[in-house]
Amino acid sequence: MLRGSSKLKILIANIIYPTPQHPKIVGGAERSVKNLAEAAVAAGHEVTVVRGLPPGLSPQVEQVGGVKVVCCPIENRYWPFDGQPHSVLDKARWHLADDVGQYTSIVREEVEAFRPDVIHTNNLAGLSTAVWSMASTLGIGIVHTLRDYYLLCPKSTLFKKRDVCGSPCLDCRLFTQRRRARTGLVDVVVGNSQKTLDLHLEQGLFPNAVWKGAIHNVSERVLTTPPAAPETLVRFGYIGRVTIDKGVEELAEAYGQMRGAARLVIAGEADPAIQARLQALAGSKPIDFLGFVSPDAFYNQVDVVVAPSLWHEPLPRSILEAFAYGRPALGSTRGGIPEALGTGGWLFDPSDTTSLLHMLEHLSSSLDEVRKKALIAADLANRFRPTEVIEKYLNVYERARDNRAENRA
């Protein structure tokens, strides 16, 4: 067991956690949380996860990978991931209710029955920061990991009109005032990148946290074979949500303007209309649309992974996974991308409309450089091994537990 012989009881809260009955994954956060929870169990600790369900469903309990998962219907008007259109008024009511904060009695009953040493919260949209108030009342240490901008922006993105927001606007401040105030209850705050953490600290959040720092996500894959090398042309690849804030349109357009041969592979859910728009931006250069596929199916078809985000993406899982497959990455200078990338790839400035194009053209004619970066990327994958990451989290769990115990004394 890591961290001496003491066994920790850890309760992790995240709005989504994939289970056999509820397998849908919306973004990278739920995969990161699942990897962390199972790494803690593998290290000899006891873990319970609380996740949300659409309102009106019955509570459920599942066992996944040694983790007890308690599925609780949220106390709000609708499920935020239902994919349905909602009126402006309905959305405003939802965000106000979420900011006021409500949780079901099931959550408190589970916490009181489990009696965790620490509560580790992650993405809370739908579960709300009322969980912090409950934990504080019960004298339980609180660790919060920032994986988006929920505490600063109702949309969790700090992104508007195709650009990043310099600071929270009036609407954002209105809909987040209570959750911002509750950050004073948190004992330890973690950013999955330093950039994400800094954007929150600059707004005065987490004034009472005894530790503030960055811990990167866990990668579930360990590189077992030497990285493949491009032979005749470079295959660029994107995997993830096919949305405006992810910069996929800019990638397709830059690819279409390239001189010389290359391929572009896009993996992720994209309906025919979105595919048609992206192909139109690429012009005569064909895009290979894979749809929603396994990581193996994607990374084995690409040489350079592109993370072209326009928003301050906290820490793209695609870069972690690229390294685990021995693939270098090309990323924008936004959010935590430069931190994740390190020396394992290249950066471009999304505010310069030609920067991405120039990098694509440079790499398409620099096969030797791509091969060398692939070796570096494979070596950097060690930063995200489960044993490396869970050791850091166990340190902060103990820090939060001890701080809360000192406050009770």
Protein backbone atom coordinates (compact mmCIF):
# COMPACT_ATOMS: atom_id res chain seq x y z
CA MET A 1 0.00 0.00 0.00
CA LEU A 2 1.28 3.45 -0.94
CA ARG A 3 1.76 6.16 1.67
CA GLY A 4 2.63 3.93 4.62
CA SER A 5 0.21 1.45 6.16
CA SER A 6 -2.83 3.70 6.75
CA LYS A 7 -5.85 2.81 4.66
CA LEU A 8 -7.87 5.79 3.50
CA LYS A 9 -11.61 5.89 2.94
CA ILE A 10 -12.13 8.19 -0.04
CA LEU A 11 -15.46 9.44 -1.38
CA ILE A 12 -15.19 10.84 -4.91
CA ALA A 13 -17.96 12.95 -6.44
CA ASN A 14 -18.29 13.58 -10.17
CA ILE A 15 -21.46 14.26 -12.12
CA ILE A 16 -20.68 11.43 -14.57
CA TYR A 17 -18.88 8.16 -13.89
CA PRO A 18 -19.13 5.39 -16.50
CA THR A 19 -20.74 2.18 -15.27
CA PRO A 20 -22.27 -0.85 -17.03
CA GLN A 21 -25.77 0.58 -16.59
CA HIS A 22 -24.75 4.15 -17.39
CA PRO A 23 -21.78 3.86 -19.78
CA LYS A 24 -22.07 7.17 -21.64
CA ILE A 25 -18.95 9.33 -21.59
CA VAL A 26 -19.34 13.04 -22.38
CA GLY A 27 -15.73 14.21 -21.98
CA GLY A 28 -12.33 13.28 -20.63
CA ALA A 29 -13.05 14.20 -16.98
CA GLU A 30 -15.10 11.10 -16.21
CA ARG A 31 -12.41 8.85 -17.65
CA SER A 32 -9.76 10.64 -15.58
CA VAL A 33 -11.85 10.28 -12.41
CA LYS A 34 -12.48 6.59 -13.09
CA ASN A 35 -8.78 5.94 -13.63
CA LEU A 36 -7.95 7.76 -10.40
CA ALA A 37 -10.57 5.88 -8.36
CA GLU A 38 -9.39 2.50 -9.59
CA ALA A 39 -5.74 3.46 -9.03
CA ALA A 40 -6.61 4.30 -5.39
CA VAL A 41 -8.27 0.90 -4.97
CA ALA A 42 -5.23 -0.80 -6.52
CA ALA A 43 -3.08 1.06 -3.98
CA GLY A 44 -5.07 -0.55 -1.14
CA HIS A 45 -7.61 2.15 -0.28
CA GLU A 46 -11.41 2.05 -0.07
CA VAL A 47 -13.28 4.19 -2.59
CA THR A 48 -16.93 5.12 -3.05
CA VAL A 49 -18.04 7.29 -5.96
CA VAL A 50 -21.17 9.44 -6.06
CA ARG A 51 -22.41 10.33 -9.55
CA GLY A 52 -25.57 11.95 -10.88
CA LEU A 53 -28.57 10.59 -12.76
CA PRO A 54 -31.40 12.37 -14.60
CA PRO A 55 -34.11 13.62 -12.22
CA GLY A 56 -36.97 11.19 -11.75
CA LEU A 57 -34.88 8.02 -12.00
CA SER A 58 -34.45 5.68 -9.07
CA PRO A 59 -31.14 5.63 -7.16
CA GLN A 60 -28.84 2.74 -8.03
CA VAL A 61 -25.66 1.18 -6.68
CA GLU A 62 -23.10 -0.58 -8.87
CA GLN A 63 -19.67 -2.14 -8.32
CA VAL A 64 -17.11 -1.22 -10.99
CA GLY A 65 -13.43 -2.09 -10.83
CA GLY A 66 -13.48 -2.49 -7.05
CA VAL A 67 -15.27 0.85 -6.63
CA LYS A 68 -18.75 1.24 -5.16
CA VAL A 69 -20.68 3.67 -7.39
CA VAL A 70 -23.76 5.34 -5.92
CA CYS A 71 -25.94 6.80 -8.69
CA CYS A 72 -28.22 9.61 -7.45
CA PRO A 73 -30.84 11.54 -9.44
CA ILE A 74 -30.00 15.24 -9.33
CA GLU A 75 -32.25 17.82 -7.67
CA ASN A 76 -32.86 20.09 -10.65
CA ARG A 77 -35.18 20.67 -13.58
CA TYR A 78 -33.46 18.45 -16.15
CA TRP A 79 -30.36 16.40 -16.86
CA PRO A 80 -27.70 18.75 -18.27
CA PHE A 81 -26.46 16.13 -20.74
CA ASP A 82 -29.82 15.15 -22.22
CA GLY A 83 -29.02 16.72 -25.60
CA GLN A 84 -32.44 18.40 -25.68
CA PRO A 85 -33.09 22.09 -26.45
CA HIS A 86 -34.08 24.16 -23.43
CA SER A 87 -35.41 27.71 -23.36
CA VAL A 88 -33.30 30.59 -22.09
CA LEU A 89 -35.61 30.88 -19.07
CA ASP A 90 -35.35 27.17 -18.32
CA LYS A 91 -31.56 27.31 -18.51
CA ALA A 92 -31.46 30.34 -16.22
CA ARG A 93 -33.64 28.57 -13.66
CA TRP A 94 -31.44 25.48 -13.88
CA HIS A 95 -28.23 27.43 -13.31
CA LEU A 96 -29.70 29.43 -10.42
CA ALA A 97 -30.90 26.23 -8.73
CA ASP A 98 -27.51 24.63 -9.26
CA ASP A 99 -25.75 27.65 -7.79
CA VAL A 100 -28.01 27.71 -4.72
CA GLY A 101 -27.08 24.06 -4.37
CA GLN A 102 -29.17 21.00 -3.70
CA TYR A 103 -28.30 17.36 -3.16
CA THR A 104 -30.48 14.36 -2.46
CA SER A 105 -30.79 12.83 1.00
CA ILE A 106 -29.20 9.74 -0.52
CA VAL A 107 -25.88 11.57 -0.83
CA ARG A 108 -25.83 12.53 2.83
CA GLU A 109 -26.94 9.05 3.90
CA GLU A 110 -24.10 7.52 1.89
CA VAL A 111 -21.55 9.93 3.37
CA GLU A 112 -22.73 9.28 6.92
CA ALA A 113 -22.71 5.50 6.39
CA PHE A 114 -19.30 5.42 4.66
CA ARG A 115 -17.67 7.99 6.98
CA PRO A 116 -14.87 8.92 4.55
CA ASP A 117 -11.57 10.46 5.60
CA VAL A 118 -11.84 12.84 2.67
CA ILE A 119 -14.32 13.90 0.01
CA HIS A 120 -12.76 14.52 -3.39
CA THR A 121 -15.01 16.54 -5.70
CA ASN A 122 -14.48 17.04 -9.40
CA ASN A 123 -17.03 18.19 -12.00
CA LEU A 124 -20.04 19.29 -9.94
CA ALA A 125 -22.50 20.73 -12.46
CA GLY A 126 -25.77 19.09 -11.37
CA LEU A 127 -24.44 17.80 -8.04
CA SER A 128 -23.62 21.38 -6.92
CA THR A 129 -21.15 22.73 -4.39
CA ALA A 130 -23.69 22.10 -1.62
CA VAL A 131 -21.68 18.87 -1.20
CA TRP A 132 -18.91 21.05 0.27
CA SER A 133 -21.28 22.56 2.85
CA MET A 134 -22.37 19.09 3.92
CA ALA A 135 -18.78 17.80 4.17
CA SER A 136 -17.71 20.86 6.17
CA THR A 137 -20.62 20.43 8.59
CA LEU A 138 -19.62 16.79 9.12
CA GLY A 139 -15.96 17.72 9.65
CA ILE A 140 -14.69 15.86 6.57
CA GLY A 141 -11.64 17.07 4.63
CA ILE A 142 -12.41 18.43 1.16
CA VAL A 143 -10.21 18.13 -1.92
CA HIS A 144 -11.43 19.67 -5.15
CA THR A 145 -9.91 19.09 -8.59
CA LEU A 146 -10.51 21.75 -11.23
CA ARG A 147 -11.23 20.03 -14.55
CA ASP A 148 -13.27 22.85 -16.11
CA TYR A 149 -14.46 26.39 -15.28
CA TYR A 150 -17.78 25.56 -13.58
CA LEU A 151 -16.90 27.78 -10.61
CA LEU A 152 -16.38 30.80 -12.87
CA CYS A 153 -18.77 30.24 -15.79
CA PRO A 154 -22.21 28.53 -15.99
CA LYS A 155 -21.16 26.95 -19.32
CA SER A 156 -17.93 25.78 -17.65
CA THR A 157 -15.85 26.99 -20.61
CA LEU A 158 -14.97 30.70 -20.25
CA PHE A 159 -15.56 30.82 -24.00
CA LYS A 160 -17.89 33.10 -25.94
CA LYS A 161 -18.20 34.25 -29.55
CA ARG A 162 -15.35 32.02 -30.71
CA ASP A 163 -12.88 33.47 -28.22
CA VAL A 164 -11.77 33.02 -24.62
CA CYS A 165 -13.21 35.35 -22.00
CA GLY A 166 -10.70 37.68 -20.38
CA SER A 167 -12.64 37.58 -17.11
CA PRO A 168 -16.07 36.36 -15.95
CA CYS A 169 -18.87 38.54 -17.36
CA LEU A 170 -21.83 39.87 -15.35
CA ASP A 171 -23.99 36.82 -16.15
CA CYS A 172 -21.23 34.48 -15.07
CA ARG A 173 -20.73 36.32 -11.78
CA LEU A 174 -24.49 36.27 -11.13
CA PHE A 175 -24.89 32.55 -11.74
CA THR A 176 -21.76 31.52 -9.83
CA GLN A 177 -21.75 33.78 -6.77
CA ARG A 178 -22.69 31.09 -4.22
CA ARG A 179 -20.36 28.43 -5.54
CA ARG A 180 -17.52 30.96 -5.59
CA ALA A 181 -18.22 31.82 -1.94
CA ARG A 182 -18.24 28.14 -0.97
CA THR A 183 -14.68 27.66 -2.26
CA GLY A 184 -13.64 28.99 1.15
CA LEU A 185 -14.69 25.60 2.58
CA VAL A 186 -12.18 23.62 0.50
CA ASP A 187 -9.04 22.34 2.27
CA VAL A 188 -7.00 21.45 -0.82
CA VAL A 189 -7.47 22.61 -4.40
CA VAL A 190 -5.85 20.83 -7.34
CA GLY A 191 -5.72 21.98 -10.94
CA ASN A 192 -5.24 19.28 -13.55
CA SER A 193 -2.98 21.95 -15.02
CA GLN A 194 -1.31 24.96 -13.43
CA LYS A 195 -2.99 27.27 -15.95
CA THR A 196 -6.45 26.09 -14.91
CA LEU A 197 -5.60 26.59 -11.24
CA ASP A 198 -4.14 30.05 -11.85
CA LEU A 199 -7.27 31.24 -13.69
CA HIS A 200 -9.28 30.44 -10.54
CA LEU A 201 -6.81 31.82 -8.02
CA GLU A 202 -6.64 35.09 -9.96
CA GLN A 203 -10.35 35.51 -9.16
CA GLY A 204 -9.74 35.10 -5.42
CA LEU A 205 -11.19 31.59 -5.11
CA PHE A 206 -10.12 29.01 -2.48
CA PRO A 207 -8.85 31.58 0.04
CA ASN A 208 -8.51 29.04 2.87
CA ALA A 209 -6.97 26.09 1.03
CA VAL A 210 -3.83 24.83 2.80
CA TRP A 211 -2.40 23.41 -0.43
CA LYS A 212 -2.84 24.68 -3.99
CA GLY A 213 -1.09 22.95 -6.84
CA ALA A 214 -1.30 21.03 -10.12
CA ILE A 215 -1.55 17.26 -10.51
CA HIS A 216 -1.93 15.87 -14.01
CA ASN A 217 -4.42 13.20 -15.00
CA VAL A 218 -3.91 9.46 -15.06
CA SER A 219 -3.32 7.70 -18.37
CA GLU A 220 -4.69 4.17 -18.35
CA ARG A 221 -2.35 2.90 -21.06
CA VAL A 222 1.32 2.02 -20.69
CA LEU A 223 3.44 2.07 -23.85
CA THR A 224 4.63 -1.48 -24.56
CA THR A 225 5.91 -1.21 -28.12
CA PRO A 226 8.26 1.27 -29.82
CA PRO A 227 6.43 4.21 -31.42
CA ALA A 228 5.56 3.85 -35.08
CA ALA A 229 7.11 6.25 -37.56
CA PRO A 230 5.53 7.86 -40.64
CA GLU A 231 6.83 6.38 -43.87
CA THR A 232 5.83 8.61 -46.76
CA LEU A 233 3.31 11.17 -45.49
CA VAL A 234 2.23 12.48 -42.12
CA ARG A 235 -1.20 11.47 -40.87
CA PHE A 236 -2.65 14.18 -38.62
CA GLY A 237 -5.42 13.17 -36.24
CA TYR A 238 -8.00 14.77 -33.96
CA ILE A 239 -10.06 12.88 -31.35
CA GLY A 240 -12.70 14.36 -29.07
CA ARG A 241 -15.80 16.52 -29.16
CA VAL A 242 -16.37 17.99 -32.60
CA THR A 243 -17.39 21.47 -31.43
CA ILE A 244 -16.46 25.09 -32.14
CA ASP A 245 -14.49 25.62 -28.93
CA LYS A 246 -12.28 22.65 -29.79
CA GLY A 247 -10.95 24.39 -32.91
CA VAL A 248 -11.87 21.55 -35.27
CA GLU A 249 -13.13 23.93 -37.95
CA GLU A 250 -9.84 25.84 -37.92
CA LEU A 251 -7.99 22.53 -38.23
CA ALA A 252 -10.07 21.44 -41.24
CA GLU A 253 -9.58 24.80 -42.94
CA ALA A 254 -5.81 24.86 -42.36
CA TYR A 255 -5.55 21.27 -43.63
CA GLY A 256 -7.44 22.23 -46.79
CA GLN A 257 -5.02 25.11 -47.44
CA MET A 258 -1.89 22.97 -47.06
CA ARG A 259 0.57 22.58 -49.86
CA GLY A 260 1.81 19.04 -50.20
CA ALA A 261 0.41 15.66 -49.25
CA ALA A 262 -0.98 14.74 -45.83
CA ARG A 263 -4.00 13.05 -44.27
CA LEU A 264 -6.46 14.21 -41.64
CA VAL A 265 -8.33 11.73 -39.47
CA ILE A 266 -11.14 12.89 -37.16
CA ALA A 267 -12.59 10.65 -34.44
CA GLY A 268 -15.63 11.69 -32.43
CA GLU A 269 -19.36 12.01 -32.81
CA ALA A 270 -20.17 14.23 -35.79
CA ASP A 271 -23.49 14.13 -37.61
CA PRO A 272 -23.61 14.32 -41.43
CA ALA A 273 -24.16 18.11 -41.39
CA ILE A 274 -21.05 18.70 -39.28
CA GLN A 275 -19.02 16.34 -41.44
CA ALA A 276 -20.19 18.16 -44.56
CA ARG A 277 -19.19 21.53 -43.11
CA LEU A 278 -15.74 20.32 -42.11
CA GLN A 279 -15.19 18.70 -45.51
CA ALA A 280 -16.27 21.93 -47.22
CA LEU A 281 -13.67 23.83 -45.17
CA ALA A 282 -11.03 21.29 -46.25
CA GLY A 283 -11.95 21.68 -49.92
CA SER A 284 -10.55 18.98 -52.18
CA LYS A 285 -8.49 17.32 -49.44
CA PRO A 286 -10.51 14.38 -48.07
CA ILE A 287 -11.04 13.97 -44.30
CA ASP A 288 -11.34 10.47 -42.85
CA PHE A 289 -14.25 10.54 -40.35
CA LEU A 290 -14.06 7.57 -38.00
CA GLY A 291 -16.97 8.43 -35.71
CA PHE A 292 -16.84 7.30 -32.08
CA VAL A 293 -14.11 4.65 -31.96
CA SER A 294 -11.75 3.05 -29.46
CA PRO A 295 -8.39 4.71 -28.76
CA ASP A 296 -6.60 1.82 -30.48
CA ALA A 297 -8.62 2.30 -33.63
CA PHE A 298 -7.71 5.99 -33.75
CA TYR A 299 -4.09 6.26 -32.58
CA ASN A 300 -2.92 3.41 -34.79
CA GLN A 301 -4.04 5.42 -37.83
CA VAL A 302 -2.24 8.69 -37.03
CA ASP A 303 1.31 10.01 -36.67
CA VAL A 304 0.71 13.41 -35.06
CA VAL A 305 -2.23 14.16 -32.76
CA VAL A 306 -3.61 17.70 -33.01
CA ALA A 307 -5.18 19.52 -30.03
CA PRO A 308 -6.34 22.78 -31.70
CA SER A 309 -8.49 24.11 -28.83
CA LEU A 310 -9.67 27.71 -28.90
CA TRP A 311 -10.82 27.66 -25.27
CA HIS A 312 -8.53 27.30 -22.26
CA GLU A 313 -8.79 23.52 -22.28
CA PRO A 314 -7.52 22.39 -18.86
CA LEU A 315 -5.64 19.23 -19.92
CA PRO A 316 -6.59 17.37 -23.12
CA ARG A 317 -6.63 13.62 -22.63
CA SER A 318 -5.75 13.27 -26.29
CA ILE A 319 -2.21 14.47 -25.53
CA LEU A 320 -1.79 12.03 -22.63
CA GLU A 321 -3.05 9.20 -24.79
CA ALA A 322 -0.94 10.28 -27.76
CA PHE A 323 2.20 9.94 -25.65
CA ALA A 324 1.05 6.55 -24.37
CA TYR A 325 0.84 5.42 -28.02
CA GLY A 326 4.19 6.99 -28.85
CA ARG A 327 2.66 9.79 -30.90
CA PRO A 328 3.82 13.41 -30.63
CA ALA A 329 1.22 16.18 -30.56
CA LEU A 330 0.64 19.60 -32.07
CA GLY A 331 -1.31 21.84 -29.73
CA SER A 332 -2.56 25.37 -29.34
CA THR A 333 -1.12 27.70 -26.72
CA ARG A 334 -4.42 27.80 -24.77
CA GLY A 335 -5.10 26.43 -21.30
CA GLY A 336 -3.04 23.54 -20.01
CA ILE A 337 -1.97 22.34 -23.45
CA PRO A 338 1.60 23.71 -23.28
CA GLU A 339 2.08 22.05 -19.86
CA ALA A 340 0.85 18.68 -21.07
CA LEU A 341 2.85 18.89 -24.27
CA GLY A 342 6.23 19.78 -22.79
CA THR A 343 8.91 18.70 -25.26
CA GLY A 344 6.70 16.03 -26.80
CA GLY A 345 5.47 18.09 -29.72
CA TRP A 346 4.89 21.54 -31.13
CA LEU A 347 2.76 24.60 -30.35
CA PHE A 348 0.86 27.07 -32.51
CA ASP A 349 -0.89 30.33 -31.66
CA PRO A 350 -4.64 30.14 -32.39
CA SER A 351 -4.90 33.94 -32.42
CA ASP A 352 -2.65 33.92 -35.54
CA THR A 353 -4.76 32.63 -38.42
CA THR A 354 -1.72 31.28 -40.28
CA SER A 355 0.13 29.68 -37.36
CA LEU A 356 -1.62 26.30 -37.55
CA LEU A 357 -1.28 26.15 -41.34
CA HIS A 358 2.46 26.83 -41.17
CA MET A 359 2.97 24.10 -38.57
CA LEU A 360 1.00 21.53 -40.57
CA GLU A 361 3.03 22.32 -43.68
CA HIS A 362 6.30 22.21 -41.74
CA LEU A 363 5.56 18.82 -40.19
CA SER A 364 4.26 17.30 -43.41
CA SER A 365 7.73 17.84 -44.91
CA SER A 366 9.73 16.93 -41.77
CA LEU A 367 9.36 13.19 -41.31
CA ASP A 368 12.65 12.84 -39.42
CA GLU A 369 11.58 15.51 -36.93
CA VAL A 370 8.27 13.70 -36.37
CA ARG A 371 10.11 10.42 -35.76
CA LYS A 372 12.42 12.02 -33.18
CA LYS A 373 9.54 13.70 -31.37
CA ALA A 374 7.70 10.36 -31.23
CA LEU A 375 10.55 8.92 -29.14
CA ILE A 376 10.43 11.90 -26.77
CA ALA A 377 6.64 11.64 -26.48
CA ALA A 378 6.87 7.96 -25.56
CA ASP A 379 9.31 8.79 -22.78
CA LEU A 380 7.07 11.58 -21.44
CA ALA A 381 4.19 9.13 -21.05
CA ASN A 382 5.73 8.06 -17.73
CA ARG A 383 4.53 11.35 -16.18
CA PHE A 384 0.96 10.11 -16.31
CA ARG A 385 1.37 6.58 -14.95
CA PRO A 386 -1.26 5.65 -12.32
CA THR A 387 1.34 5.02 -9.60
CA GLU A 388 2.88 8.46 -10.18
CA VAL A 389 -0.42 10.32 -10.04
CA ILE A 390 -2.10 8.43 -7.19
CA GLU A 391 0.91 8.97 -4.92
CA LYS A 392 0.48 12.74 -5.33
CA TYR A 393 -3.25 12.52 -4.64
CA LEU A 394 -2.76 10.40 -1.54
CA ASN A 395 -0.48 13.13 -0.23
CA VAL A 396 -3.16 15.80 -0.65
CA TYR A 397 -5.90 13.51 0.71
CA GLU A 398 -3.92 13.15 3.92
CA ARG A 399 -3.24 16.88 3.97
CA ALA A 400 -6.97 17.66 3.75
CA ARG A 401 -7.88 15.04 6.36
CA ASP A 402 -5.27 16.30 8.81
CA ASN A 403 -6.20 19.95 8.28
CA ARG A 404 -9.86 19.24 9.05
CA ALA A 405 -8.87 17.23 12.13
CA GLU A 406 -6.74 20.13 13.39
CA ASN A 407 -9.68 22.50 12.93
CA ARG A 408 -11.92 20.19 14.98
CA ALA A 409 -9.39 19.92 17.81
